[in-house]
Amino acid sequence: MKNCQENEKELIEEFWDREILKCEFVLKQREQKKEDYTAIKLEDEKKKALAEAAKDVSEEQLEAKELEEEELY
């Protein structure tokens, strides 16, 4: 760069500006993917908890039904 060519400085600045924009985009994309992953993980945990609760309720209902049947006999 001892002897700058025509528009060399402007071209280099434009290049770095584009690179900075790319880096910012990648960072934003990573943050969004992390948020999406966290939301999906939370939703899965909620579904598992609801399924477990439903399982517990159904087991309790079966036990109550068995007790009722035993009382009838």
PDB file of N, CA and C in Angstrom:
ATOM      1  N   MET A   1       0.823  -1.192   0.000  1.00  0.00           N
ATOM      2  CA  MET A   1       0.000   0.000   0.000  1.00  0.00           C
ATOM      3  C   MET A   1       0.866   1.254   0.000  1.00  0.00           C
ATOM      4  N   LYS A   2       2.070   1.072  -0.394  1.00  0.00           N
ATOM      5  CA  LYS A   2       2.961   2.231  -0.485  1.00  0.00           C
ATOM      6  C   LYS A   2       2.407   3.214  -1.511  1.00  0.00           C
ATOM      7  N   ASN A   3       2.018   2.688  -2.644  1.00  0.00           N
ATOM      8  CA  ASN A   3       1.407   3.506  -3.687  1.00  0.00           C
ATOM      9  C   ASN A   3      -0.037   3.063  -3.853  1.00  0.00           C
ATOM     10  N   CYS A   4      -0.938   3.834  -3.301  1.00  0.00           N
ATOM     11  CA  CYS A   4      -2.359   3.488  -3.371  1.00  0.00           C
ATOM     12  C   CYS A   4      -2.862   3.625  -4.807  1.00  0.00           C
ATOM     13  N   GLN A   5      -3.651   2.640  -5.186  1.00  0.00           N
ATOM     14  CA  GLN A   5      -4.263   2.723  -6.496  1.00  0.00           C
ATOM     15  C   GLN A   5      -5.559   3.505  -6.375  1.00  0.00           C
ATOM     16  N   GLU A   6      -6.146   3.778  -7.499  1.00  0.00           N
ATOM     17  CA  GLU A   6      -7.359   4.574  -7.540  1.00  0.00           C
ATOM     18  C   GLU A   6      -8.480   3.859  -6.780  1.00  0.00           C
ATOM     19  N   ASN A   7      -9.131   4.554  -5.868  1.00  0.00           N
ATOM     20  CA  ASN A   7     -10.253   4.050  -5.062  1.00  0.00           C
ATOM     21  C   ASN A   7      -9.883   2.885  -4.146  1.00  0.00           C
ATOM     22  N   GLU A   8      -8.619   2.624  -3.953  1.00  0.00           N
ATOM     23  CA  GLU A   8      -8.206   1.470  -3.141  1.00  0.00           C
ATOM     24  C   GLU A   8      -8.690   1.615  -1.692  1.00  0.00           C
ATOM     25  N   LYS A   9      -8.527   2.775  -1.140  1.00  0.00           N
ATOM     26  CA  LYS A   9      -8.940   2.988   0.246  1.00  0.00           C
ATOM     27  C   LYS A   9     -10.449   2.802   0.397  1.00  0.00           C
ATOM     28  N   GLU A  10     -11.228   3.339  -0.502  1.00  0.00           N
ATOM     29  CA  GLU A  10     -12.680   3.207  -0.454  1.00  0.00           C
ATOM     30  C   GLU A  10     -13.110   1.749  -0.613  1.00  0.00           C
ATOM     31  N   LEU A  11     -12.440   1.043  -1.524  1.00  0.00           N
ATOM     32  CA  LEU A  11     -12.764  -0.365  -1.733  1.00  0.00           C
ATOM     33  C   LEU A  11     -12.470  -1.210  -0.495  1.00  0.00           C
ATOM     34  N   ILE A  12     -11.348  -0.940   0.139  1.00  0.00           N
ATOM     35  CA  ILE A  12     -10.990  -1.669   1.358  1.00  0.00           C
ATOM     36  C   ILE A  12     -11.983  -1.352   2.469  1.00  0.00           C
ATOM     37  N   GLU A  13     -12.391  -0.095   2.614  1.00  0.00           N
ATOM     38  CA  GLU A  13     -13.373   0.281   3.629  1.00  0.00           C
ATOM     39  C   GLU A  13     -14.712  -0.404   3.368  1.00  0.00           C
ATOM     40  N   GLU A  14     -15.133  -0.442   2.111  1.00  0.00           N
ATOM     41  CA  GLU A  14     -16.382  -1.127   1.762  1.00  0.00           C
ATOM     42  C   GLU A  14     -16.298  -2.615   2.084  1.00  0.00           C
ATOM     43  N   PHE A  15     -15.148  -3.203   1.775  1.00  0.00           N
ATOM     44  CA  PHE A  15     -14.947  -4.615   2.083  1.00  0.00           C
ATOM     45  C   PHE A  15     -15.132  -4.872   3.578  1.00  0.00           C
ATOM     46  N   TRP A  16     -14.478  -4.066   4.418  1.00  0.00           N
ATOM     47  CA  TRP A  16     -14.559  -4.263   5.866  1.00  0.00           C
ATOM     48  C   TRP A  16     -15.953  -3.960   6.390  1.00  0.00           C
ATOM     49  N   ASP A  17     -16.619  -2.992   5.786  1.00  0.00           N
ATOM     50  CA  ASP A  17     -18.003  -2.716   6.189  1.00  0.00           C
ATOM     51  C   ASP A  17     -18.894  -3.926   5.916  1.00  0.00           C
ATOM     52  N   ARG A  18     -18.714  -4.553   4.761  1.00  0.00           N
ATOM     53  CA  ARG A  18     -19.493  -5.758   4.443  1.00  0.00           C
ATOM     54  C   ARG A  18     -19.160  -6.892   5.404  1.00  0.00           C
ATOM     55  N   GLU A  19     -17.900  -7.058   5.738  1.00  0.00           N
ATOM     56  CA  GLU A  19     -17.490  -8.109   6.674  1.00  0.00           C
ATOM     57  C   GLU A  19     -18.098  -7.884   8.058  1.00  0.00           C
ATOM     58  N   ILE A  20     -18.132  -6.634   8.481  1.00  0.00           N
ATOM     59  CA  ILE A  20     -18.730  -6.306   9.776  1.00  0.00           C
ATOM     60  C   ILE A  20     -20.218  -6.632   9.750  1.00  0.00           C
ATOM     61  N   LEU A  21     -20.888  -6.296   8.670  1.00  0.00           N
ATOM     62  CA  LEU A  21     -22.312  -6.609   8.542  1.00  0.00           C
ATOM     63  C   LEU A  21     -22.545  -8.127   8.581  1.00  0.00           C
ATOM     64  N   LYS A  22     -21.683  -8.885   7.924  1.00  0.00           N
ATOM     65  CA  LYS A  22     -21.795 -10.343   7.946  1.00  0.00           C
ATOM     66  C   LYS A  22     -21.643 -10.870   9.366  1.00  0.00           C
ATOM     67  N   CYS A  23     -20.663 -10.362  10.079  1.00  0.00           N
ATOM     68  CA  CYS A  23     -20.433 -10.812  11.461  1.00  0.00           C
ATOM     69  C   CYS A  23     -21.621 -10.481  12.352  1.00  0.00           C
ATOM     70  N   GLU A  24     -22.169  -9.283  12.202  1.00  0.00           N
ATOM     71  CA  GLU A  24     -23.343  -8.897  12.988  1.00  0.00           C
ATOM     72  C   GLU A  24     -24.525  -9.805  12.670  1.00  0.00           C
ATOM     73  N   PHE A  25     -24.695 -10.124  11.396  1.00  0.00           N
ATOM     74  CA  PHE A  25     -25.776 -11.022  10.986  1.00  0.00           C
ATOM     75  C   PHE A  25     -25.611 -12.388  11.633  1.00  0.00           C
ATOM     76  N   VAL A  26     -24.404 -12.915  11.597  1.00  0.00           N
ATOM     77  CA  VAL A  26     -24.147 -14.238  12.168  1.00  0.00           C
ATOM     78  C   VAL A  26     -24.420 -14.228  13.672  1.00  0.00           C
ATOM     79  N   LEU A  27     -23.993 -13.185  14.348  1.00  0.00           N
ATOM     80  CA  LEU A  27     -24.235 -13.086  15.793  1.00  0.00           C
ATOM     81  C   LEU A  27     -25.729 -13.037  16.105  1.00  0.00           C
ATOM     82  N   LYS A  28     -26.469 -12.237  15.335  1.00  0.00           N
ATOM     83  CA  LYS A  28     -27.921 -12.159  15.540  1.00  0.00           C
ATOM     84  C   LYS A  28     -28.578 -13.502  15.260  1.00  0.00           C
ATOM     85  N   GLN A  29     -28.119 -14.173  14.215  1.00  0.00           N
ATOM     86  CA  GLN A  29     -28.671 -15.476  13.860  1.00  0.00           C
ATOM     87  C   GLN A  29     -28.403 -16.490  14.967  1.00  0.00           C
ATOM     88  N   ARG A  30     -27.209 -16.481  15.534  1.00  0.00           N
ATOM     89  CA  ARG A  30     -26.886 -17.386  16.636  1.00  0.00           C
ATOM     90  C   ARG A  30     -27.770 -17.121  17.840  1.00  0.00           C
ATOM     91  N   GLU A  31     -27.969 -15.844  18.170  1.00  0.00           N
ATOM     92  CA  GLU A  31     -28.829 -15.493  19.293  1.00  0.00           C
ATOM     93  C   GLU A  31     -30.249 -15.987  19.059  1.00  0.00           C
ATOM     94  N   GLN A  32     -30.754 -15.806  17.836  1.00  0.00           N
ATOM     95  CA  GLN A  32     -32.109 -16.238  17.515  1.00  0.00           C
ATOM     96  C   GLN A  32     -32.237 -17.749  17.619  1.00  0.00           C
ATOM     97  N   LYS A  33     -31.251 -18.468  17.101  1.00  0.00           N
ATOM     98  CA  LYS A  33     -31.281 -19.928  17.178  1.00  0.00           C
ATOM     99  C   LYS A  33     -31.215 -20.397  18.619  1.00  0.00           C
ATOM    100  N   LYS A  34     -30.433 -19.709  19.444  1.00  0.00           N
ATOM    101  CA  LYS A  34     -30.341 -20.064  20.863  1.00  0.00           C
ATOM    102  C   LYS A  34     -31.694 -19.848  21.541  1.00  0.00           C
ATOM    103  N   GLU A  35     -32.347 -18.725  21.248  1.00  0.00           N
ATOM    104  CA  GLU A  35     -33.672 -18.453  21.808  1.00  0.00           C
ATOM    105  C   GLU A  35     -34.683 -19.495  21.347  1.00  0.00           C
ATOM    106  N   ASP A  36     -34.636 -19.830  20.061  1.00  0.00           N
ATOM    107  CA  ASP A  36     -35.555 -20.842  19.526  1.00  0.00           C
ATOM    108  C   ASP A  36     -35.330 -22.191  20.202  1.00  0.00           C
ATOM    109  N   TYR A  37     -34.066 -22.558  20.376  1.00  0.00           N
ATOM    110  CA  TYR A  37     -33.736 -23.832  21.018  1.00  0.00           C
ATOM    111  C   TYR A  37     -34.250 -23.849  22.450  1.00  0.00           C
ATOM    112  N   THR A  38     -34.052 -22.749  23.168  1.00  0.00           N
ATOM    113  CA  THR A  38     -34.506 -22.662  24.548  1.00  0.00           C
ATOM    114  C   THR A  38     -36.029 -22.770  24.615  1.00  0.00           C
ATOM    115  N   ALA A  39     -36.724 -22.100  23.711  1.00  0.00           N
ATOM    116  CA  ALA A  39     -38.186 -22.154  23.691  1.00  0.00           C
ATOM    117  C   ALA A  39     -38.670 -23.571  23.397  1.00  0.00           C
ATOM    118  N   ILE A  40     -38.040 -24.237  22.456  1.00  0.00           N
ATOM    119  CA  ILE A  40     -38.424 -25.607  22.114  1.00  0.00           C
ATOM    120  C   ILE A  40     -38.156 -26.533  23.289  1.00  0.00           C
ATOM    121  N   LYS A  41     -37.031 -26.350  23.931  1.00  0.00           N
ATOM    122  CA  LYS A  41     -36.675 -27.182  25.078  1.00  0.00           C
ATOM    123  C   LYS A  41     -37.688 -26.993  26.207  1.00  0.00           C
ATOM    124  N   LEU A  42     -38.076 -25.747  26.483  1.00  0.00           N
ATOM    125  CA  LEU A  42     -39.080 -25.476  27.513  1.00  0.00           C
ATOM    126  C   LEU A  42     -40.416 -26.119  27.161  1.00  0.00           C
ATOM    127  N   GLU A  43     -40.804 -26.016  25.903  1.00  0.00           N
ATOM    128  CA  GLU A  43     -42.069 -26.607  25.460  1.00  0.00           C
ATOM    129  C   GLU A  43     -42.037 -28.123  25.632  1.00  0.00           C
ATOM    130  N   ASP A  44     -40.920 -28.747  25.290  1.00  0.00           N
ATOM    131  CA  ASP A  44     -40.783 -30.189  25.469  1.00  0.00           C
ATOM    132  C   ASP A  44     -40.881 -30.574  26.939  1.00  0.00           C
ATOM    133  N   GLU A  45     -40.244 -29.788  27.811  1.00  0.00           N
ATOM    134  CA  GLU A  45     -40.303 -30.067  29.243  1.00  0.00           C
ATOM    135  C   GLU A  45     -41.728 -29.939  29.767  1.00  0.00           C
ATOM    136  N   LYS A  46     -42.469 -28.933  29.266  1.00  0.00           N
ATOM    137  CA  LYS A  46     -43.864 -28.768  29.669  1.00  0.00           C
ATOM    138  C   LYS A  46     -44.697 -29.970  29.226  1.00  0.00           C
ATOM    139  N   LYS A  47     -44.472 -30.406  27.981  1.00  0.00           N
ATOM    140  CA  LYS A  47     -45.228 -31.559  27.474  1.00  0.00           C
ATOM    141  C   LYS A  47     -44.929 -32.803  28.296  1.00  0.00           C
ATOM    142  N   LYS A  48     -43.666 -33.005  28.640  1.00  0.00           N
ATOM    143  CA  LYS A  48     -43.294 -34.168  29.452  1.00  0.00           C
ATOM    144  C   LYS A  48     -43.939 -34.087  30.831  1.00  0.00           C
ATOM    145  N   ALA A  49     -43.944 -32.898  31.424  1.00  0.00           N
ATOM    146  CA  ALA A  49     -44.554 -32.721  32.741  1.00  0.00           C
ATOM    147  C   ALA A  49     -46.052 -32.974  32.683  1.00  0.00           C
ATOM    148  N   LEU A  50     -46.702 -32.481  31.635  1.00  0.00           N
ATOM    149  CA  LEU A  50     -48.136 -32.716  31.482  1.00  0.00           C
ATOM    150  C   LEU A  50     -48.433 -34.195  31.260  1.00  0.00           C
ATOM    151  N   ALA A  51     -47.605 -34.855  30.481  1.00  0.00           N
ATOM    152  CA  ALA A  51     -47.801 -36.285  30.237  1.00  0.00           C
ATOM    153  C   ALA A  51     -47.616 -37.066  31.537  1.00  0.00           C
ATOM    154  N   GLU A  52     -46.625 -36.698  32.320  1.00  0.00           N
ATOM    155  CA  GLU A  52     -46.385 -37.360  33.603  1.00  0.00           C
ATOM    156  C   GLU A  52     -47.553 -37.121  34.554  1.00  0.00           C
ATOM    157  N   ALA A  53     -48.061 -35.899  34.570  1.00  0.00           N
ATOM    158  CA  ALA A  53     -49.204 -35.581  35.427  1.00  0.00           C
ATOM    159  C   ALA A  53     -50.434 -36.367  34.987  1.00  0.00           C
ATOM    160  N   ALA A  54     -50.639 -36.459  33.688  1.00  0.00           N
ATOM    161  CA  ALA A  54     -51.777 -37.227  33.175  1.00  0.00           C
ATOM    162  C   ALA A  54     -51.626 -38.700  33.531  1.00  0.00           C
ATOM    163  N   LYS A  55     -50.411 -39.188  33.460  1.00  0.00           N
ATOM    164  CA  LYS A  55     -50.144 -40.586  33.820  1.00  0.00           C
ATOM    165  C   LYS A  55     -50.469 -40.819  35.291  1.00  0.00           C
ATOM    166  N   ASP A  56     -50.041 -39.885  36.151  1.00  0.00           N
ATOM    167  CA  ASP A  56     -50.321 -40.006  37.578  1.00  0.00           C
ATOM    168  C   ASP A  56     -51.815 -39.992  37.847  1.00  0.00           C
ATOM    169  N   VAL A  57     -52.524 -39.107  37.158  1.00  0.00           N
ATOM    170  CA  VAL A  57     -53.968 -39.016  37.338  1.00  0.00           C
ATOM    171  C   VAL A  57     -54.631 -40.308  36.886  1.00  0.00           C
ATOM    172  N   SER A  58     -54.224 -40.837  35.754  1.00  0.00           N
ATOM    173  CA  SER A  58     -54.848 -42.066  35.257  1.00  0.00           C
ATOM    174  C   SER A  58     -54.542 -43.238  36.186  1.00  0.00           C
ATOM    175  N   GLU A  59     -53.338 -43.275  36.754  1.00  0.00           N
ATOM    176  CA  GLU A  59     -53.010 -44.335  37.711  1.00  0.00           C
ATOM    177  C   GLU A  59     -53.863 -44.209  38.961  1.00  0.00           C
ATOM    178  N   GLU A  60     -54.079 -42.989  39.424  1.00  0.00           N
ATOM    179  CA  GLU A  60     -54.925 -42.764  40.594  1.00  0.00           C
ATOM    180  C   GLU A  60     -56.362 -43.185  40.305  1.00  0.00           C
ATOM    181  N   GLN A  61     -56.831 -42.888  39.100  1.00  0.00           N
ATOM    182  CA  GLN A  61     -58.192 -43.280  38.732  1.00  0.00           C
ATOM    183  C   GLN A  61     -58.323 -44.799  38.689  1.00  0.00           C
ATOM    184  N   LEU A  62     -57.305 -45.478  38.156  1.00  0.00           N
ATOM    185  CA  LEU A  62     -57.334 -46.940  38.123  1.00  0.00           C
ATOM    186  C   LEU A  62     -57.346 -47.513  39.533  1.00  0.00           C
ATOM    187  N   GLU A  63     -56.543 -46.962  40.403  1.00  0.00           N
ATOM    188  CA  GLU A  63     -56.514 -47.433  41.786  1.00  0.00           C
ATOM    189  C   GLU A  63     -57.856 -47.203  42.465  1.00  0.00           C
ATOM    190  N   ALA A  64     -58.454 -46.030  42.232  1.00  0.00           N
ATOM    191  CA  ALA A  64     -59.763 -45.733  42.827  1.00  0.00           C
ATOM    192  C   ALA A  64     -60.813 -46.691  42.285  1.00  0.00           C
ATOM    193  N   LYS A  65     -60.752 -46.997  41.012  1.00  0.00           N
ATOM    194  CA  LYS A  65     -61.716 -47.911  40.396  1.00  0.00           C
ATOM    195  C   LYS A  65     -61.550 -49.312  40.974  1.00  0.00           C
ATOM    196  N   GLU A  66     -60.305 -49.737  41.151  1.00  0.00           N
ATOM    197  CA  GLU A  66     -60.041 -51.058  41.745  1.00  0.00           C
ATOM    198  C   GLU A  66     -60.567 -51.120  43.165  1.00  0.00           C
ATOM    199  N   LEU A  67     -60.402 -50.056  43.937  1.00  0.00           N
ATOM    200  CA  LEU A  67     -60.915 -50.009  45.299  1.00  0.00           C
ATOM    201  C   LEU A  67     -62.433 -50.095  45.307  1.00  0.00           C
ATOM    202  N   GLU A  68     -63.068 -49.399  44.394  1.00  0.00           N
ATOM    203  CA  GLU A  68     -64.524 -49.445  44.298  1.00  0.00           C
ATOM    204  C   GLU A  68     -64.992 -50.857  43.967  1.00  0.00           C
ATOM    205  N   GLU A  69     -64.294 -51.513  43.056  1.00  0.00           N
ATOM    206  CA  GLU A  69     -64.658 -52.876  42.664  1.00  0.00           C
ATOM    207  C   GLU A  69     -64.493 -53.832  43.839  1.00  0.00           C
ATOM    208  N   GLU A  70     -63.409 -53.639  44.624  1.00  0.00           N
ATOM    209  CA  GLU A  70     -63.169 -54.494  45.777  1.00  0.00           C
ATOM    210  C   GLU A  70     -64.251 -54.290  46.828  1.00  0.00           C
ATOM    211  N   GLU A  71     -64.725 -53.046  47.006  1.00  0.00           N
ATOM    212  CA  GLU A  71     -65.756 -52.758  47.976  1.00  0.00           C
ATOM    213  C   GLU A  71     -67.071 -53.400  47.566  1.00  0.00           C
ATOM    214  N   LEU A  72     -67.309 -53.518  46.272  1.00  0.00           N
ATOM    215  CA  LEU A  72     -68.554 -54.122  45.794  1.00  0.00           C
ATOM    216  C   LEU A  72     -68.585 -55.613  46.074  1.00  0.00           C
ATOM    217  N   TYR A  73     -67.448 -56.264  46.137  1.00  0.00           N
ATOM    218  CA  TYR A  73     -67.406 -57.704  46.334  1.00  0.00           C
ATOM    219  C   TYR A  73     -67.207 -58.032  47.737  1.00  0.00           C
TER     220      TYR A  73
END
